[in-house]
Amino acid sequence: MNERIRRIYVPMTESGFYILFCLQEPQHGYGIGLRVKKLTGGEVTIGAGTMYGTLSKMEKDGLIRFFAEEDKRRLYLITDAGREVLEAELKRIERLYKNSRGECTDE
């Protein structure tokens, strides 16, 4: 993974994580917001400014790409670089969870 990208995205913000996580399948911003609300039982909501600002930044940084347009909405999809970032973040979260349970991480 590019060191610049690692510095920017790992650790991820909660909003950034959910956006990237949801883009494992093509989706538009509004759909991501609905999915995040459902996944978190309404505990996490992503405002429009955060959503579209993050999508724009992730696209510029090569973590996601434009997939298609549907009903005037832009659909995005995660890229290989985005998958690397998501995987690094999932490993980090898993380590935190294990450590919180008193488990040591063998690295």
Protein backbone atom coordinates (compact mmCIF):
# COMPACT_ATOMS: atom_id res chain seq x y z
CA MET A 1 0.00 0.00 0.00
CA ASN A 2 1.20 3.48 -0.84
CA GLU A 3 2.67 5.11 2.31
CA ARG A 4 0.85 8.40 1.63
CA ILE A 5 -2.48 6.57 1.40
CA ARG A 6 -1.72 4.61 4.59
CA ARG A 7 -0.94 7.83 6.47
CA ILE A 8 -4.18 9.43 5.30
CA TYR A 9 -6.59 6.53 5.74
CA VAL A 10 -5.27 4.23 8.48
CA PRO A 11 -6.78 4.51 11.01
CA MET A 12 -10.00 5.44 9.25
CA THR A 13 -12.78 7.64 10.48
CA GLU A 14 -15.98 5.77 11.23
CA SER A 15 -17.70 7.45 8.29
CA GLY A 16 -14.83 6.64 5.93
CA PHE A 17 -14.82 3.03 7.05
CA TYR A 18 -18.54 2.55 6.47
CA ILE A 19 -18.43 4.28 3.08
CA LEU A 20 -15.57 2.07 1.86
CA PHE A 21 -17.16 -1.03 3.42
CA CYS A 22 -20.47 -0.38 1.63
CA LEU A 23 -18.74 0.09 -1.72
CA GLN A 24 -17.80 -3.58 -1.95
CA GLU A 25 -20.90 -3.55 -4.14
CA PRO A 26 -21.83 -0.68 -6.51
CA GLN A 27 -23.74 1.99 -4.62
CA HIS A 28 -24.57 5.69 -4.64
CA GLY A 29 -24.23 8.11 -1.72
CA TYR A 30 -27.86 7.99 -0.67
CA GLY A 31 -27.83 4.18 -0.73
CA ILE A 32 -24.66 4.12 1.37
CA GLY A 33 -26.34 6.34 3.94
CA LEU A 34 -29.35 4.02 4.15
CA ARG A 35 -27.13 0.93 4.44
CA VAL A 36 -25.01 2.47 7.21
CA LYS A 37 -28.13 3.43 9.15
CA LYS A 38 -29.40 -0.15 8.85
CA LEU A 39 -26.03 -1.75 9.71
CA THR A 40 -25.66 0.37 12.85
CA GLY A 41 -29.27 0.33 14.01
CA GLY A 42 -29.46 4.07 13.39
CA GLU A 43 -26.47 4.86 15.63
CA VAL A 44 -24.36 6.17 12.75
CA THR A 45 -25.63 8.59 10.14
CA ILE A 46 -23.46 10.23 7.54
CA GLY A 47 -24.41 13.75 6.54
CA ALA A 48 -24.49 14.78 2.89
CA GLY A 49 -21.41 17.01 3.20
CA THR A 50 -19.35 14.25 4.79
CA MET A 51 -20.66 11.65 2.34
CA TYR A 52 -19.98 13.51 -0.87
CA GLY A 53 -16.74 15.06 0.37
CA THR A 54 -15.43 11.62 1.34
CA LEU A 55 -16.57 10.02 -1.93
CA SER A 56 -14.80 12.77 -3.89
CA LYS A 57 -11.59 12.40 -1.87
CA MET A 58 -11.60 8.60 -2.08
CA GLU A 59 -12.17 8.75 -5.84
CA LYS A 60 -9.31 11.24 -6.24
CA ASP A 61 -7.04 9.01 -4.13
CA GLY A 62 -7.95 5.91 -6.17
CA LEU A 63 -9.76 3.98 -3.43
CA ILE A 64 -13.06 3.99 -5.30
CA ARG A 65 -14.08 4.51 -8.90
CA PHE A 66 -17.12 5.67 -10.80
CA PHE A 67 -19.11 2.59 -11.80
CA ALA A 68 -22.26 3.82 -13.55
CA GLU A 69 -25.02 6.37 -13.42
CA GLU A 70 -28.50 5.30 -12.34
CA ASP A 71 -31.44 7.71 -12.18
CA LYS A 72 -29.03 10.67 -12.16
CA ARG A 73 -27.10 9.15 -9.24
CA ARG A 74 -23.43 8.23 -9.51
CA LEU A 75 -22.67 4.68 -8.45
CA TYR A 76 -19.21 3.96 -7.06
CA LEU A 77 -17.24 0.76 -6.46
CA ILE A 78 -14.17 -0.03 -4.37
CA THR A 79 -10.84 -0.48 -6.23
CA ASP A 80 -7.97 -2.86 -5.42
CA ALA A 81 -6.25 -0.01 -3.56
CA GLY A 82 -9.44 0.57 -1.59
CA ARG A 83 -9.62 -3.12 -0.71
CA GLU A 84 -6.07 -2.92 0.66
CA VAL A 85 -7.01 0.02 2.86
CA LEU A 86 -10.22 -1.68 4.01
CA GLU A 87 -8.36 -4.91 4.81
CA ALA A 88 -5.71 -3.01 6.82
CA GLU A 89 -8.44 -1.24 8.77
CA LEU A 90 -10.37 -4.47 9.41
CA LYS A 91 -7.17 -6.08 10.76
CA ARG A 92 -6.58 -3.05 12.98
CA ILE A 93 -10.15 -3.21 14.33
CA GLU A 94 -9.85 -6.96 14.92
CA ARG A 95 -6.60 -6.42 16.84
CA LEU A 96 -8.25 -3.76 18.99
CA TYR A 97 -11.17 -6.07 19.71
CA LYS A 98 -8.91 -8.99 20.65
CA ASN A 99 -6.76 -6.75 22.84
CA SER A 100 -9.87 -5.44 24.60
CA ARG A 101 -10.64 -9.07 25.51
CA GLY A 102 -7.15 -9.53 26.96
CA GLU A 103 -5.82 -11.47 23.98
CA CYS A 104 -2.34 -10.73 22.71
CA THR A 105 -1.63 -10.37 19.03
CA ASP A 106 1.20 -12.51 17.67
CA GLU A 107 2.94 -10.55 14.92
